[in-house]
């Protein structure tokens, strides 16, 4: 099976490079802000073992979002060192 590889942009100061590097921090904040709701939903889901896999949870949510209504909307509340201008 051939694996796909996505390289980071050579100029990470551009907006697309900042989006890629900022995503883990936004997802981490989302996980911590909504942990109770996410863990409760996972506990009632067919895949409760995903409680220990936040990366996979967001992968599924963002994948499903491409064919459904908005499930996750990431909007930074405060500016940080990873904030996009």
PDB file of N, CA and C in Angstrom:
ATOM      1  N   UNK A   1       0.842  -1.161   0.000  1.00  0.00           N
ATOM      2  CA  UNK A   1       0.000   0.000   0.000  1.00  0.00           C
ATOM      3  C   UNK A   1       0.903   1.245   0.000  1.00  0.00           C
ATOM      4  N   UNK A   2       0.580   2.185  -0.871  1.00  0.00           N
ATOM      5  CA  UNK A   2       1.377   3.400  -0.982  1.00  0.00           C
ATOM      6  C   UNK A   2       0.861   4.447   0.003  1.00  0.00           C
ATOM      7  N   UNK A   3       1.761   5.056   0.749  1.00  0.00           N
ATOM      8  CA  UNK A   3       1.386   6.074   1.720  1.00  0.00           C
ATOM      9  C   UNK A   3       1.462   7.440   1.071  1.00  0.00           C
ATOM     10  N   UNK A   4       0.576   8.315   1.495  1.00  0.00           N
ATOM     11  CA  UNK A   4       0.601   9.693   1.016  1.00  0.00           C
ATOM     12  C   UNK A   4       1.459  10.524   1.945  1.00  0.00           C
ATOM     13  N   UNK A   5       2.121  11.497   1.386  1.00  0.00           N
ATOM     14  CA  UNK A   5       2.967  12.368   2.187  1.00  0.00           C
ATOM     15  C   UNK A   5       2.616  13.807   1.857  1.00  0.00           C
ATOM     16  N   UNK A   6       2.402  14.608   2.884  1.00  0.00           N
ATOM     17  CA  UNK A   6       2.100  16.017   2.714  1.00  0.00           C
ATOM     18  C   UNK A   6       3.189  16.818   3.400  1.00  0.00           C
ATOM     19  N   UNK A   7       3.941  17.556   2.623  1.00  0.00           N
ATOM     20  CA  UNK A   7       5.025  18.351   3.175  1.00  0.00           C
ATOM     21  C   UNK A   7       4.498  19.701   3.625  1.00  0.00           C
ATOM     22  N   UNK A   8       5.106  20.245   4.676  1.00  0.00           N
ATOM     23  CA  UNK A   8       4.764  21.596   5.100  1.00  0.00           C
ATOM     24  C   UNK A   8       5.235  22.580   4.056  1.00  0.00           C
ATOM     25  N   UNK A   9       4.555  23.708   3.908  1.00  0.00           N
ATOM     26  CA  UNK A   9       4.999  24.715   2.947  1.00  0.00           C
ATOM     27  C   UNK A   9       6.415  25.183   3.287  1.00  0.00           C
ATOM     28  N   UNK A  10       7.187  25.529   2.260  1.00  0.00           N
ATOM     29  CA  UNK A  10       8.564  25.976   2.503  1.00  0.00           C
ATOM     30  C   UNK A  10       8.593  27.312   3.240  1.00  0.00           C
ATOM     31  N   UNK A  11       7.575  28.139   3.044  1.00  0.00           N
ATOM     32  CA  UNK A  11       7.487  29.426   3.748  1.00  0.00           C
ATOM     33  C   UNK A  11       6.350  29.336   4.764  1.00  0.00           C
ATOM     34  N   UNK A  12       6.675  28.959   5.993  1.00  0.00           N
ATOM     35  CA  UNK A  12       5.623  28.755   7.002  1.00  0.00           C
ATOM     36  C   UNK A  12       5.073  30.054   7.567  1.00  0.00           C
ATOM     37  N   UNK A  13       5.596  31.198   7.117  1.00  0.00           N
ATOM     38  CA  UNK A  13       5.048  32.473   7.593  1.00  0.00           C
ATOM     39  C   UNK A  13       3.774  32.840   6.835  1.00  0.00           C
ATOM     40  N   UNK A  14       3.533  32.148   5.713  1.00  0.00           N
ATOM     41  CA  UNK A  14       2.299  32.388   4.960  1.00  0.00           C
ATOM     42  C   UNK A  14       1.122  31.808   5.734  1.00  0.00           C
ATOM     43  N   UNK A  15      -0.075  32.253   5.415  1.00  0.00           N
ATOM     44  CA  UNK A  15      -1.270  31.822   6.150  1.00  0.00           C
ATOM     45  C   UNK A  15      -1.474  30.322   6.107  1.00  0.00           C
ATOM     46  N   UNK A  16      -1.230  29.665   4.968  1.00  0.00           N
ATOM     47  CA  UNK A  16      -1.465  28.217   4.905  1.00  0.00           C
ATOM     48  C   UNK A  16      -0.504  27.454   5.810  1.00  0.00           C
ATOM     49  N   UNK A  17       0.727  27.914   5.928  1.00  0.00           N
ATOM     50  CA  UNK A  17       1.675  27.285   6.849  1.00  0.00           C
ATOM     51  C   UNK A  17       1.284  27.506   8.293  1.00  0.00           C
ATOM     52  N   UNK A  18       0.790  28.681   8.613  1.00  0.00           N
ATOM     53  CA  UNK A  18       0.356  28.969   9.983  1.00  0.00           C
ATOM     54  C   UNK A  18      -0.855  28.128  10.356  1.00  0.00           C
ATOM     55  N   UNK A  19      -1.755  27.910   9.418  1.00  0.00           N
ATOM     56  CA  UNK A  19      -2.940  27.088   9.710  1.00  0.00           C
ATOM     57  C   UNK A  19      -2.530  25.673  10.083  1.00  0.00           C
ATOM     58  N   UNK A  20      -1.593  25.105   9.346  1.00  0.00           N
ATOM     59  CA  UNK A  20      -1.161  23.729   9.609  1.00  0.00           C
ATOM     60  C   UNK A  20      -0.475  23.628  10.966  1.00  0.00           C
ATOM     61  N   UNK A  21       0.392  24.572  11.281  1.00  0.00           N
ATOM     62  CA  UNK A  21       1.137  24.496  12.537  1.00  0.00           C
ATOM     63  C   UNK A  21       0.284  24.876  13.729  1.00  0.00           C
ATOM     64  N   UNK A  22      -0.770  25.612  13.539  1.00  0.00           N
ATOM     65  CA  UNK A  22      -1.643  26.044  14.629  1.00  0.00           C
ATOM     66  C   UNK A  22      -2.690  25.002  15.003  1.00  0.00           C
ATOM     67  N   UNK A  23      -3.047  24.140  14.074  1.00  0.00           N
ATOM     68  CA  UNK A  23      -4.137  23.191  14.293  1.00  0.00           C
ATOM     69  C   UNK A  23      -3.986  22.340  15.552  1.00  0.00           C
ATOM     70  N   UNK A  24      -2.836  21.750  15.858  1.00  0.00           N
ATOM     71  CA  UNK A  24      -2.737  20.938  17.080  1.00  0.00           C
ATOM     72  C   UNK A  24      -3.074  21.723  18.352  1.00  0.00           C
ATOM     73  N   UNK A  25      -2.720  22.989  18.389  1.00  0.00           N
ATOM     74  CA  UNK A  25      -3.000  23.800  19.572  1.00  0.00           C
ATOM     75  C   UNK A  25      -4.486  24.130  19.683  1.00  0.00           C
ATOM     76  N   UNK A  26      -5.135  24.394  18.553  1.00  0.00           N
ATOM     77  CA  UNK A  26      -6.573  24.648  18.566  1.00  0.00           C
ATOM     78  C   UNK A  26      -7.342  23.394  18.969  1.00  0.00           C
ATOM     79  N   UNK A  27      -6.933  22.241  18.455  1.00  0.00           N
ATOM     80  CA  UNK A  27      -7.609  20.993  18.819  1.00  0.00           C
ATOM     81  C   UNK A  27      -7.372  20.652  20.284  1.00  0.00           C
ATOM     82  N   UNK A  28      -6.167  20.902  20.770  1.00  0.00           N
ATOM     83  CA  UNK A  28      -5.890  20.676  22.192  1.00  0.00           C
ATOM     84  C   UNK A  28      -6.752  21.548  23.087  1.00  0.00           C
ATOM     85  N   UNK A  29      -6.906  22.800  22.713  1.00  0.00           N
ATOM     86  CA  UNK A  29      -7.761  23.700  23.493  1.00  0.00           C
ATOM     87  C   UNK A  29      -9.212  23.240  23.430  1.00  0.00           C
ATOM     88  N   UNK A  30      -9.666  22.838  22.255  1.00  0.00           N
ATOM     89  CA  UNK A  30     -11.035  22.341  22.108  1.00  0.00           C
ATOM     90  C   UNK A  30     -11.247  21.108  22.988  1.00  0.00           C
ATOM     91  N   UNK A  31     -10.279  20.187  22.981  1.00  0.00           N
ATOM     92  CA  UNK A  31     -10.395  18.972  23.796  1.00  0.00           C
ATOM     93  C   UNK A  31     -10.487  19.324  25.275  1.00  0.00           C
ATOM     94  N   UNK A  32      -9.658  20.260  25.731  1.00  0.00           N
ATOM     95  CA  UNK A  32      -9.690  20.601  27.158  1.00  0.00           C
ATOM     96  C   UNK A  32     -10.934  21.408  27.522  1.00  0.00           C
ATOM     97  N   UNK A  33     -11.371  22.306  26.644  1.00  0.00           N
ATOM     98  CA  UNK A  33     -12.558  23.118  26.929  1.00  0.00           C
ATOM     99  C   UNK A  33     -13.843  22.298  26.946  1.00  0.00           C
ATOM    100  N   UNK A  34     -13.913  21.272  26.107  1.00  0.00           N
ATOM    101  CA  UNK A  34     -15.146  20.499  25.975  1.00  0.00           C
ATOM    102  C   UNK A  34     -14.955  19.030  26.362  1.00  0.00           C
ATOM    103  N   UNK A  35     -13.981  18.770  27.227  1.00  0.00           N
ATOM    104  CA  UNK A  35     -13.654  17.390  27.612  1.00  0.00           C
ATOM    105  C   UNK A  35     -14.861  16.647  28.174  1.00  0.00           C
ATOM    106  N   UNK A  36     -15.620  17.276  29.041  1.00  0.00           N
ATOM    107  CA  UNK A  36     -16.767  16.602  29.648  1.00  0.00           C
ATOM    108  C   UNK A  36     -17.763  16.166  28.587  1.00  0.00           C
ATOM    109  N   UNK A  37     -18.080  17.051  27.682  1.00  0.00           N
ATOM    110  CA  UNK A  37     -19.052  16.745  26.626  1.00  0.00           C
ATOM    111  C   UNK A  37     -18.505  15.679  25.668  1.00  0.00           C
ATOM    112  N   UNK A  38     -17.238  15.821  25.285  1.00  0.00           N
ATOM    113  CA  UNK A  38     -16.634  14.854  24.368  1.00  0.00           C
ATOM    114  C   UNK A  38     -16.552  13.463  24.994  1.00  0.00           C
ATOM    115  N   UNK A  39     -16.123  13.393  26.250  1.00  0.00           N
ATOM    116  CA  UNK A  39     -16.001  12.091  26.916  1.00  0.00           C
ATOM    117  C   UNK A  39     -17.364  11.439  27.130  1.00  0.00           C
ATOM    118  N   UNK A  40     -18.367  12.244  27.435  1.00  0.00           N
ATOM    119  CA  UNK A  40     -19.721  11.696  27.597  1.00  0.00           C
ATOM    120  C   UNK A  40     -20.230  11.147  26.265  1.00  0.00           C
ATOM    121  N   UNK A  41     -20.027  11.906  25.192  1.00  0.00           N
ATOM    122  CA  UNK A  41     -20.446  11.435  23.872  1.00  0.00           C
ATOM    123  C   UNK A  41     -19.719  10.171  23.456  1.00  0.00           C
ATOM    124  N   UNK A  42     -18.423  10.124  23.711  1.00  0.00           N
ATOM    125  CA  UNK A  42     -17.653   8.925  23.365  1.00  0.00           C
ATOM    126  C   UNK A  42     -18.098   7.723  24.189  1.00  0.00           C
ATOM    127  N   UNK A  43     -18.428   7.954  25.463  1.00  0.00           N
ATOM    128  CA  UNK A  43     -18.893   6.858  26.318  1.00  0.00           C
ATOM    129  C   UNK A  43     -20.191   6.251  25.834  1.00  0.00           C
ATOM    130  N   UNK A  44     -21.012   7.057  25.144  1.00  0.00           N
ATOM    131  CA  UNK A  44     -22.292   6.577  24.619  1.00  0.00           C
ATOM    132  C   UNK A  44     -22.210   6.165  23.154  1.00  0.00           C
ATOM    133  N   UNK A  45     -21.022   6.191  22.595  1.00  0.00           N
ATOM    134  CA  UNK A  45     -20.847   5.884  21.174  1.00  0.00           C
ATOM    135  C   UNK A  45     -20.515   4.409  20.973  1.00  0.00           C
ATOM    136  N   UNK A  46     -20.548   3.957  19.714  1.00  0.00           N
ATOM    137  CA  UNK A  46     -20.136   2.580  19.425  1.00  0.00           C
ATOM    138  C   UNK A  46     -18.626   2.362  19.561  1.00  0.00           C
ATOM    139  N   UNK A  47     -17.865   3.436  19.773  1.00  0.00           N
ATOM    140  CA  UNK A  47     -16.403   3.318  19.881  1.00  0.00           C
ATOM    141  C   UNK A  47     -15.888   4.030  21.129  1.00  0.00           C
ATOM    142  N   UNK A  48     -16.273   3.559  22.322  1.00  0.00           N
ATOM    143  CA  UNK A  48     -15.850   4.238  23.552  1.00  0.00           C
ATOM    144  C   UNK A  48     -14.341   4.188  23.786  1.00  0.00           C
ATOM    145  N   UNK A  49     -13.641   3.294  23.097  1.00  0.00           N
ATOM    146  CA  UNK A  49     -12.191   3.209  23.270  1.00  0.00           C
ATOM    147  C   UNK A  49     -11.472   4.449  22.733  1.00  0.00           C
ATOM    148  N   UNK A  50     -12.157   5.283  21.975  1.00  0.00           N
ATOM    149  CA  UNK A  50     -11.546   6.509  21.457  1.00  0.00           C
ATOM    150  C   UNK A  50     -11.330   7.571  22.533  1.00  0.00           C
ATOM    151  N   UNK A  51     -11.789   7.297  23.743  1.00  0.00           N
ATOM    152  CA  UNK A  51     -11.560   8.225  24.857  1.00  0.00           C
ATOM    153  C   UNK A  51     -10.071   8.528  25.008  1.00  0.00           C
ATOM    154  N   UNK A  52      -9.232   7.575  24.719  1.00  0.00           N
ATOM    155  CA  UNK A  52      -7.782   7.747  24.851  1.00  0.00           C
ATOM    156  C   UNK A  52      -7.119   8.167  23.546  1.00  0.00           C
ATOM    157  N   UNK A  53      -7.902   8.538  22.531  1.00  0.00           N
ATOM    158  CA  UNK A  53      -7.376   8.870  21.210  1.00  0.00           C
ATOM    159  C   UNK A  53      -7.953  10.183  20.690  1.00  0.00           C
ATOM    160  N   UNK A  54      -7.652  11.325  21.332  1.00  0.00           N
ATOM    161  CA  UNK A  54      -8.251  12.587  20.881  1.00  0.00           C
ATOM    162  C   UNK A  54      -7.939  12.922  19.426  1.00  0.00           C
ATOM    163  N   UNK A  55      -6.768  12.568  18.943  1.00  0.00           N
ATOM    164  CA  UNK A  55      -6.431  12.832  17.543  1.00  0.00           C
ATOM    165  C   UNK A  55      -7.368  12.114  16.592  1.00  0.00           C
ATOM    166  N   UNK A  56      -7.684  10.863  16.907  1.00  0.00           N
ATOM    167  CA  UNK A  56      -8.612  10.087  16.068  1.00  0.00           C
ATOM    168  C   UNK A  56     -10.024  10.646  16.156  1.00  0.00           C
ATOM    169  N   UNK A  57     -10.416  11.139  17.339  1.00  0.00           N
ATOM    170  CA  UNK A  57     -11.749  11.730  17.501  1.00  0.00           C
ATOM    171  C   UNK A  57     -11.906  12.912  16.550  1.00  0.00           C
ATOM    172  N   UNK A  58     -10.927  13.818  16.557  1.00  0.00           N
ATOM    173  CA  UNK A  58     -11.015  14.984  15.681  1.00  0.00           C
ATOM    174  C   UNK A  58     -10.883  14.594  14.224  1.00  0.00           C
ATOM    175  N   UNK A  59     -10.110  13.576  13.928  1.00  0.00           N
ATOM    176  CA  UNK A  59      -9.997  13.090  12.562  1.00  0.00           C
ATOM    177  C   UNK A  59     -11.368  12.656  12.046  1.00  0.00           C
ATOM    178  N   UNK A  60     -12.091  11.898  12.856  1.00  0.00           N
ATOM    179  CA  UNK A  60     -13.427  11.434  12.473  1.00  0.00           C
ATOM    180  C   UNK A  60     -14.383  12.617  12.360  1.00  0.00           C
ATOM    181  N   UNK A  61     -14.373  13.513  13.342  1.00  0.00           N
ATOM    182  CA  UNK A  61     -15.287  14.658  13.309  1.00  0.00           C
ATOM    183  C   UNK A  61     -15.043  15.542  12.089  1.00  0.00           C
ATOM    184  N   UNK A  62     -13.788  15.845  11.806  1.00  0.00           N
ATOM    185  CA  UNK A  62     -13.481  16.702  10.666  1.00  0.00           C
ATOM    186  C   UNK A  62     -13.755  15.993   9.337  1.00  0.00           C
ATOM    187  N   UNK A  63     -13.549  14.677   9.269  1.00  0.00           N
ATOM    188  CA  UNK A  63     -13.874  13.921   8.067  1.00  0.00           C
ATOM    189  C   UNK A  63     -15.378  13.933   7.822  1.00  0.00           C
ATOM    190  N   UNK A  64     -16.151  13.679   8.866  1.00  0.00           N
ATOM    191  CA  UNK A  64     -17.617  13.672   8.753  1.00  0.00           C
ATOM    192  C   UNK A  64     -18.150  15.046   8.383  1.00  0.00           C
ATOM    193  N   UNK A  65     -17.454  16.070   8.815  1.00  0.00           N
ATOM    194  CA  UNK A  65     -17.895  17.437   8.548  1.00  0.00           C
ATOM    195  C   UNK A  65     -17.899  17.726   7.047  1.00  0.00           C
ATOM    196  N   UNK A  66     -17.080  17.037   6.279  1.00  0.00           N
ATOM    197  CA  UNK A  66     -17.041  17.298   4.844  1.00  0.00           C
ATOM    198  C   UNK A  66     -18.317  16.841   4.149  1.00  0.00           C
ATOM    199  N   UNK A  67     -19.091  15.963   4.797  1.00  0.00           N
ATOM    200  CA  UNK A  67     -20.327  15.469   4.191  1.00  0.00           C
ATOM    201  C   UNK A  67     -21.559  15.787   5.030  1.00  0.00           C
ATOM    202  N   UNK A  68     -21.385  16.501   6.123  1.00  0.00           N
ATOM    203  CA  UNK A  68     -22.509  16.811   7.017  1.00  0.00           C
ATOM    204  C   UNK A  68     -22.474  18.304   7.363  1.00  0.00           C
ATOM    205  N   UNK A  69     -23.350  18.700   8.243  1.00  0.00           N
ATOM    206  CA  UNK A  69     -23.313  20.080   8.708  1.00  0.00           C
ATOM    207  C   UNK A  69     -22.077  20.275   9.587  1.00  0.00           C
ATOM    208  N   UNK A  70     -21.820  21.500   9.951  1.00  0.00           N
ATOM    209  CA  UNK A  70     -20.628  21.819  10.739  1.00  0.00           C
ATOM    210  C   UNK A  70     -20.703  21.132  12.095  1.00  0.00           C
ATOM    211  N   UNK A  71     -19.720  20.281  12.371  1.00  0.00           N
ATOM    212  CA  UNK A  71     -19.643  19.577  13.648  1.00  0.00           C
ATOM    213  C   UNK A  71     -18.650  20.255  14.577  1.00  0.00           C
ATOM    214  N   UNK A  72     -17.559  20.779  14.002  1.00  0.00           N
ATOM    215  CA  UNK A  72     -16.508  21.432  14.771  1.00  0.00           C
ATOM    216  C   UNK A  72     -16.160  22.728  14.058  1.00  0.00           C
ATOM    217  N   UNK A  73     -16.232  23.835  14.772  1.00  0.00           N
ATOM    218  CA  UNK A  73     -15.833  25.117  14.212  1.00  0.00           C
ATOM    219  C   UNK A  73     -14.759  25.690  15.118  1.00  0.00           C
ATOM    220  N   UNK A  74     -13.554  25.798  14.593  1.00  0.00           N
ATOM    221  CA  UNK A  74     -12.420  26.254  15.391  1.00  0.00           C
ATOM    222  C   UNK A  74     -12.238  27.754  15.222  1.00  0.00           C
ATOM    223  N   UNK A  75     -12.451  28.476  16.292  1.00  0.00           N
ATOM    224  CA  UNK A  75     -12.249  29.917  16.300  1.00  0.00           C
ATOM    225  C   UNK A  75     -11.464  30.273  17.550  1.00  0.00           C
ATOM    226  N   UNK A  76     -10.236  30.759  17.373  1.00  0.00           N
ATOM    227  CA  UNK A  76      -9.460  31.121  18.566  1.00  0.00           C
ATOM    228  C   UNK A  76     -10.131  32.260  19.316  1.00  0.00           C
ATOM    229  N   UNK A  77     -10.206  32.116  20.638  1.00  0.00           N
ATOM    230  CA  UNK A  77     -10.836  33.148  21.466  1.00  0.00           C
ATOM    231  C   UNK A  77      -9.878  34.268  21.803  1.00  0.00           C
ATOM    232  N   UNK A  78      -8.625  33.933  21.912  1.00  0.00           N
ATOM    233  CA  UNK A  78      -7.636  34.950  22.250  1.00  0.00           C
ATOM    234  C   UNK A  78      -6.430  34.778  21.364  1.00  0.00           C
ATOM    235  N   UNK A  79      -5.723  35.866  21.165  1.00  0.00           N
ATOM    236  CA  UNK A  79      -4.507  35.803  20.352  1.00  0.00           C
ATOM    237  C   UNK A  79      -3.413  35.100  21.169  1.00  0.00           C
ATOM    238  N   UNK A  80      -2.635  34.321  20.511  1.00  0.00           N
ATOM    239  CA  UNK A  80      -1.517  33.637  21.137  1.00  0.00           C
ATOM    240  C   UNK A  80      -0.366  33.626  20.158  1.00  0.00           C
ATOM    241  N   UNK A  81       0.695  33.000  20.492  1.00  0.00           N
ATOM    242  CA  UNK A  81       1.841  32.981  19.599  1.00  0.00           C
ATOM    243  C   UNK A  81       1.545  32.230  18.327  1.00  0.00           C
ATOM    244  N   UNK A  82       0.468  31.425  18.334  1.00  0.00           N
ATOM    245  CA  UNK A  82       0.079  30.672  17.136  1.00  0.00           C
ATOM    246  C   UNK A  82      -1.102  31.299  16.416  1.00  0.00           C
ATOM    247  N   UNK A  83      -1.472  32.508  16.815  1.00  0.00           N
ATOM    248  CA  UNK A  83      -2.630  33.191  16.233  1.00  0.00           C
ATOM    249  C   UNK A  83      -2.345  33.660  14.808  1.00  0.00           C
ATOM    250  N   UNK A  84      -3.322  33.498  13.945  1.00  0.00           N
ATOM    251  CA  UNK A  84      -3.196  33.998  12.569  1.00  0.00           C
ATOM    252  C   UNK A  84      -3.608  35.461  12.520  1.00  0.00           C
ATOM    253  N   UNK A  85      -2.857  36.266  11.813  1.00  0.00           N
ATOM    254  CA  UNK A  85      -3.225  37.680  11.627  1.00  0.00           C
ATOM    255  C   UNK A  85      -4.164  37.820  10.466  1.00  0.00           C
TER     256      UNK A  85
END
